[in-house]
Structures are given as structure tokens and as C-alpha cells.
PDB file of N, CA and C in Angstrom:
ATOM      1  N   MET A   1     274.393 145.177 353.323  1.00  0.00           N
ATOM      2  CA  MET A   1     273.286 145.711 354.007  1.00  0.00           C
ATOM      3  C   MET A   1     272.975 147.344 353.128  1.00  0.00           C
ATOM      4  N   SER A   2     271.784 147.554 353.000  1.00  0.00           N
ATOM      5  CA  SER A   2     271.380 148.465 352.410  1.00  0.00           C
ATOM      6  C   SER A   2     271.570 149.743 353.185  1.00  0.00           C
ATOM      7  N   THR A   3     271.446 151.145 352.332  1.00  0.00           N
ATOM      8  CA  THR A   3     271.895 152.006 353.021  1.00  0.00           C
ATOM      9  C   THR A   3     270.515 152.512 353.927  1.00  0.00           C
ATOM     10  N   ASP A   4     269.258 152.100 353.654  1.00  0.00           N
ATOM     11  CA  ASP A   4     268.196 152.178 354.511  1.00  0.00           C
ATOM     12  C   ASP A   4     268.096 151.443 355.561  1.00  0.00           C
ATOM     13  N   ALA A   5     268.610 150.254 355.729  1.00  0.00           N
ATOM     14  CA  ALA A   5     269.204 149.582 356.870  1.00  0.00           C
ATOM     15  C   ALA A   5     270.096 149.954 358.037  1.00  0.00           C
ATOM     16  N   GLY A   6     271.041 150.475 357.249  1.00  0.00           N
ATOM     17  CA  GLY A   6     272.118 151.210 357.915  1.00  0.00           C
ATOM     18  C   GLY A   6     271.642 152.311 358.755  1.00  0.00           C
ATOM     19  N   GLU A   7     270.800 153.528 357.844  1.00  0.00           N
ATOM     20  CA  GLU A   7     270.347 154.538 358.537  1.00  0.00           C
ATOM     21  C   GLU A   7     269.553 154.132 359.746  1.00  0.00           C
ATOM     22  N   THR A   8     268.580 153.088 359.287  1.00  0.00           N
ATOM     23  CA  THR A   8     267.646 152.635 360.483  1.00  0.00           C
ATOM     24  C   THR A   8     268.613 152.060 361.943  1.00  0.00           C
ATOM     25  N   LEU A   9     269.537 151.457 361.761  1.00  0.00           N
ATOM     26  CA  LEU A   9     270.709 151.189 362.714  1.00  0.00           C
ATOM     27  C   LEU A   9     271.204 152.222 363.374  1.00  0.00           C
ATOM     28  N   ASP A  10     271.728 153.225 362.742  1.00  0.00           N
ATOM     29  CA  ASP A  10     272.470 154.424 363.177  1.00  0.00           C
ATOM     30  C   ASP A  10     271.352 155.127 363.880  1.00  0.00           C
ATOM     31  N   ALA A  11     269.995 155.729 363.389  1.00  0.00           N
ATOM     32  CA  ALA A  11     269.445 155.887 364.242  1.00  0.00           C
ATOM     33  C   ALA A  11     268.648 155.308 365.776  1.00  0.00           C
ATOM     34  N   ILE A  12     268.879 153.960 365.800  1.00  0.00           N
ATOM     35  CA  ILE A  12     268.459 153.390 366.747  1.00  0.00           C
ATOM     36  C   ILE A  12     269.689 153.851 367.852  1.00  0.00           C
ATOM     37  N   ALA A  13     270.873 153.454 367.408  1.00  0.00           N
ATOM     38  CA  ALA A  13     271.836 153.737 368.218  1.00  0.00           C
ATOM     39  C   ALA A  13     271.733 155.127 368.797  1.00  0.00           C
ATOM     40  N   CYS A  14     271.755 156.229 368.020  1.00  0.00           N
ATOM     41  CA  CYS A  14     271.533 157.480 368.434  1.00  0.00           C
ATOM     42  C   CYS A  14     270.342 157.380 369.380  1.00  0.00           C
ATOM     43  N   THR A  15     269.379 157.026 369.218  1.00  0.00           N
ATOM     44  CA  THR A  15     268.189 156.773 370.156  1.00  0.00           C
ATOM     45  C   THR A  15     268.567 156.534 371.294  1.00  0.00           C
ATOM     46  N   ARG A  16     269.219 154.963 371.141  1.00  0.00           N
ATOM     47  CA  ARG A  16     269.616 154.514 372.601  1.00  0.00           C
ATOM     48  C   ARG A  16     270.828 155.664 373.382  1.00  0.00           C
ATOM     49  N   GLN A  17     271.628 156.117 372.670  1.00  0.00           N
ATOM     50  CA  GLN A  17     272.353 156.764 373.411  1.00  0.00           C
ATOM     51  C   GLN A  17     271.778 157.969 373.931  1.00  0.00           C
ATOM     52  N   VAL A  18     270.735 158.723 373.549  1.00  0.00           N
ATOM     53  CA  VAL A  18     270.343 160.003 374.139  1.00  0.00           C
ATOM     54  C   VAL A  18     269.624 159.664 375.297  1.00  0.00           C
ATOM     55  N   ARG A  19     268.855 158.400 375.125  1.00  0.00           N
ATOM     56  CA  ARG A  19     268.337 157.566 376.411  1.00  0.00           C
ATOM     57  C   ARG A  19     268.513 157.667 377.435  1.00  0.00           C
ATOM     58  N   HIS A  20     270.200 157.044 377.215  1.00  0.00           N
ATOM     59  CA  HIS A  20     271.091 156.417 378.168  1.00  0.00           C
ATOM     60  C   HIS A  20     271.986 157.905 379.163  1.00  0.00           C
ATOM     61  N   GLU A  21     271.842 159.037 377.803  1.00  0.00           N
ATOM     62  CA  GLU A  21     272.302 160.194 378.599  1.00  0.00           C
ATOM     63  C   GLU A  21     271.298 160.921 379.653  1.00  0.00           C
ATOM     64  N   ILE A  22     269.964 160.935 379.190  1.00  0.00           N
ATOM     65  CA  ILE A  22     268.877 161.793 379.973  1.00  0.00           C
ATOM     66  C   ILE A  22     269.011 160.530 381.254  1.00  0.00           C
ATOM     67  N   SER A  23     269.060 159.234 381.158  1.00  0.00           N
ATOM     68  CA  SER A  23     268.857 158.265 382.304  1.00  0.00           C
ATOM     69  C   SER A  23     270.341 158.589 383.132  1.00  0.00           C
ATOM     70  N   ALA A  24     271.496 159.075 382.533  1.00  0.00           N
ATOM     71  CA  ALA A  24     272.239 159.414 383.478  1.00  0.00           C
ATOM     72  C   ALA A  24     272.149 160.898 384.459  1.00  0.00           C
ATOM     73  N   GLU A  25     271.604 161.628 383.456  1.00  0.00           N
ATOM     74  CA  GLU A  25     271.354 162.952 384.358  1.00  0.00           C
ATOM     75  C   GLU A  25     270.169 162.768 385.029  1.00  0.00           C
ATOM     76  N   LEU A  26     269.869 161.613 385.310  1.00  0.00           N
ATOM     77  CA  LEU A  26     268.458 161.503 386.563  1.00  0.00           C
ATOM     78  C   LEU A  26     269.112 160.465 387.457  1.00  0.00           C
ATOM     79  N   ASP A  27     270.366 160.232 387.307  1.00  0.00           N
ATOM     80  CA  ASP A  27     270.967 159.442 388.371  1.00  0.00           C
ATOM     81  C   ASP A  27     270.797 157.795 388.099  1.00  0.00           C
ATOM     82  N   HIS A  28     270.261 157.411 386.899  1.00  0.00           N
ATOM     83  CA  HIS A  28     269.438 155.955 386.487  1.00  0.00           C
ATOM     84  C   HIS A  28     268.519 155.623 387.751  1.00  0.00           C
ATOM     85  N   ASP A  29     267.807 156.693 387.874  1.00  0.00           N
ATOM     86  CA  ASP A  29     266.575 156.540 388.935  1.00  0.00           C
ATOM     87  C   ASP A  29     265.248 156.217 388.188  1.00  0.00           C
ATOM     88  N   PRO A  30     264.801 155.209 388.287  1.00  0.00           N
ATOM     89  CA  PRO A  30     263.431 154.925 387.279  1.00  0.00           C
ATOM     90  C   PRO A  30     262.326 155.927 387.224  1.00  0.00           C
ATOM     91  N   GLN A  31     262.377 155.917 389.211  1.00  0.00           N
ATOM     92  CA  GLN A  31     261.178 157.145 389.379  1.00  0.00           C
ATOM     93  C   GLN A  31     261.572 158.544 388.764  1.00  0.00           C
ATOM     94  N   ARG A  32     262.648 158.934 388.774  1.00  0.00           N
ATOM     95  CA  ARG A  32     262.883 160.125 388.341  1.00  0.00           C
ATOM     96  C   ARG A  32     262.751 160.220 386.919  1.00  0.00           C
ATOM     97  N   LEU A  33     263.027 158.994 386.243  1.00  0.00           N
ATOM     98  CA  LEU A  33     262.947 159.056 384.599  1.00  0.00           C
ATOM     99  C   LEU A  33     261.673 158.746 384.220  1.00  0.00           C
ATOM    100  N   LEU A  34     260.623 158.051 385.044  1.00  0.00           N
ATOM    101  CA  LEU A  34     259.452 157.990 384.493  1.00  0.00           C
ATOM    102  C   LEU A  34     258.839 159.602 384.812  1.00  0.00           C
ATOM    103  N   ALA A  35     258.964 160.025 385.950  1.00  0.00           N
ATOM    104  CA  ALA A  35     258.289 161.347 386.314  1.00  0.00           C
ATOM    105  C   ALA A  35     259.123 162.471 385.057  1.00  0.00           C
ATOM    106  N   TYR A  36     260.394 162.521 384.780  1.00  0.00           N
ATOM    107  CA  TYR A  36     260.875 163.143 383.450  1.00  0.00           C
ATOM    108  C   TYR A  36     259.819 162.716 382.043  1.00  0.00           C
ATOM    109  N   TYR A  37     259.618 161.448 381.598  1.00  0.00           N
ATOM    110  CA  TYR A  37     258.793 161.243 380.527  1.00  0.00           C
ATOM    111  C   TYR A  37     257.437 161.728 380.371  1.00  0.00           C
ATOM    112  N   LYS A  38     256.946 161.878 381.737  1.00  0.00           N
ATOM    113  CA  LYS A  38     255.531 161.998 382.008  1.00  0.00           C
ATOM    114  C   LYS A  38     255.348 163.377 381.645  1.00  0.00           C
ATOM    115  N   GLU A  39     256.570 164.161 382.059  1.00  0.00           N
ATOM    116  CA  GLU A  39     256.415 165.781 381.929  1.00  0.00           C
ATOM    117  C   GLU A  39     256.620 166.055 380.822  1.00  0.00           C
ATOM    118  N   ILE A  40     257.294 165.648 379.795  1.00  0.00           N
ATOM    119  CA  ILE A  40     257.743 165.795 378.391  1.00  0.00           C
ATOM    120  C   ILE A  40     256.273 165.957 377.597  1.00  0.00           C
ATOM    121  N   GLN A  41     255.646 164.257 378.050  1.00  0.00           N
ATOM    122  CA  GLN A  41     254.389 163.939 377.442  1.00  0.00           C
ATOM    123  C   GLN A  41     253.328 164.935 377.671  1.00  0.00           C
ATOM    124  N   GLN A  42     253.377 165.433 378.964  1.00  0.00           N
ATOM    125  CA  GLN A  42     252.165 166.400 379.129  1.00  0.00           C
ATOM    126  C   GLN A  42     252.338 167.822 378.429  1.00  0.00           C
ATOM    127  N   ARG A  43     253.479 168.375 378.218  1.00  0.00           N
ATOM    128  CA  ARG A  43     254.078 169.439 377.400  1.00  0.00           C
ATOM    129  C   ARG A  43     253.490 168.883 376.064  1.00  0.00           C
ATOM    130  N   GLN A  44     253.612 168.133 375.620  1.00  0.00           N
ATOM    131  CA  GLN A  44     253.627 167.782 374.116  1.00  0.00           C
ATOM    132  C   GLN A  44     252.117 167.884 374.136  1.00  0.00           C
ATOM    133  N   ALA A  45     251.149 167.203 374.831  1.00  0.00           N
ATOM    134  CA  ALA A  45     249.766 167.350 374.775  1.00  0.00           C
ATOM    135  C   ALA A  45     249.380 168.423 375.008  1.00  0.00           C
ATOM    136  N   GLU A  46     249.949 169.535 375.977  1.00  0.00           N
ATOM    137  CA  GLU A  46     249.295 170.841 375.987  1.00  0.00           C
ATOM    138  C   GLU A  46     249.809 171.681 374.651  1.00  0.00           C
ATOM    139  N   ALA A  47     250.538 171.390 374.066  1.00  0.00           N
ATOM    140  CA  ALA A  47     251.370 172.075 372.938  1.00  0.00           C
ATOM    141  C   ALA A  47     250.377 171.556 371.836  1.00  0.00           C
ATOM    142  N   ARG A  48     249.624 170.447 371.529  1.00  0.00           N
ATOM    143  CA  ARG A  48     248.817 170.057 370.325  1.00  0.00           C
ATOM    144  C   ARG A  48     247.892 171.022 370.007  1.00  0.00           C
ATOM    145  N   PRO A  49     247.374 171.115 368.858  1.00  0.00           N
ATOM    146  CA  PRO A  49     246.454 171.745 368.726  1.00  0.00           C
ATOM    147  C   PRO A  49     245.217 171.465 368.677  1.00  0.00           C
ATOM    148  N   VAL A  50     244.254 171.828 369.110  1.00  0.00           N
ATOM    149  CA  VAL A  50     242.883 170.917 369.467  1.00  0.00           C
ATOM    150  C   VAL A  50     241.923 171.699 368.607  1.00  0.00           C
ATOM    151  N   GLU A  51     241.244 170.443 367.869  1.00  0.00           N
ATOM    152  CA  GLU A  51     240.033 171.234 366.799  1.00  0.00           C
ATOM    153  C   GLU A  51     238.858 170.944 367.378  1.00  0.00           C
ATOM    154  N   GLN A  52     237.715 171.372 367.089  1.00  0.00           N
ATOM    155  CA  GLN A  52     236.447 171.298 367.676  1.00  0.00           C
ATOM    156  C   GLN A  52     235.983 171.064 366.525  1.00  0.00           C
ATOM    157  N   THR A  53     234.951 169.657 366.573  1.00  0.00           N
ATOM    158  CA  THR A  53     234.265 169.204 365.707  1.00  0.00           C
ATOM    159  C   THR A  53     232.770 168.579 366.021  1.00  0.00           C
ATOM    160  N   GLY A  54     231.645 169.055 365.520  1.00  0.00           N
ATOM    161  CA  GLY A  54     230.011 168.556 365.957  1.00  0.00           C
ATOM    162  C   GLY A  54     230.115 168.823 367.428  1.00  0.00           C
ATOM    163  N   GLY A  55     230.791 169.896 367.946  1.00  0.00           N
ATOM    164  CA  GLY A  55     230.384 170.143 369.719  1.00  0.00           C
ATOM    165  C   GLY A  55     231.471 169.208 370.087  1.00  0.00           C
ATOM    166  N   GLN A  56     232.024 168.434 369.607  1.00  0.00           N
ATOM    167  CA  GLN A  56     233.240 167.502 370.446  1.00  0.00           C
ATOM    168  C   GLN A  56     234.753 168.180 370.364  1.00  0.00           C
ATOM    169  N   VAL A  57     235.330 168.185 371.145  1.00  0.00           N
ATOM    170  CA  VAL A  57     236.880 168.196 371.247  1.00  0.00           C
ATOM    171  C   VAL A  57     237.503 166.845 370.660  1.00  0.00           C
ATOM    172  N   SER A  58     238.283 167.237 369.762  1.00  0.00           N
ATOM    173  CA  SER A  58     239.306 166.131 369.330  1.00  0.00           C
ATOM    174  C   SER A  58     241.005 166.610 369.250  1.00  0.00           C
ATOM    175  N   THR A  59     241.684 165.946 369.395  1.00  0.00           N
ATOM    176  CA  THR A  59     242.931 166.426 369.234  1.00  0.00           C
ATOM    177  C   THR A  59     243.676 165.810 368.298  1.00  0.00           C
ATOM    178  N   LEU A  60     242.930 165.508 367.127  1.00  0.00           N
ATOM    179  CA  LEU A  60     243.737 164.781 365.722  1.00  0.00           C
ATOM    180  C   LEU A  60     244.009 166.089 364.751  1.00  0.00           C
TER     181      LEU A  60
END
């Protein structure tokens, strides 16, 4: 197995572990989990810089 593949698998395992920990903190409740991720998504959208070009607002 190449180093890149091994690093990818490590990153996937790490991501799964963090997702499991977040789920556990929310008692594995799908509704609470969805609300949590929606809140994170909203905070990230609000933190994103907004450009104005040609009178139209773009988040790119």
C-alpha cells in the first residue's frame, strides 16, 4: 500500500472517529445530530466573505 493510500485511510478513520464522538455527545439522536450540523453549516456560511460583482452578491 502506498503512503498516500495509507494516509487517506488514516484520514477516513479519523473522520469516522470524530463523527462518532459528535454523535455520542448528542446521544446518537438523529434529530439533534441534524440540528447540530445545520448550525455548523449556518455559522460557516455567515463567516464566509461575500463579494459584490456587477451589482449581484456572490459567495464565491
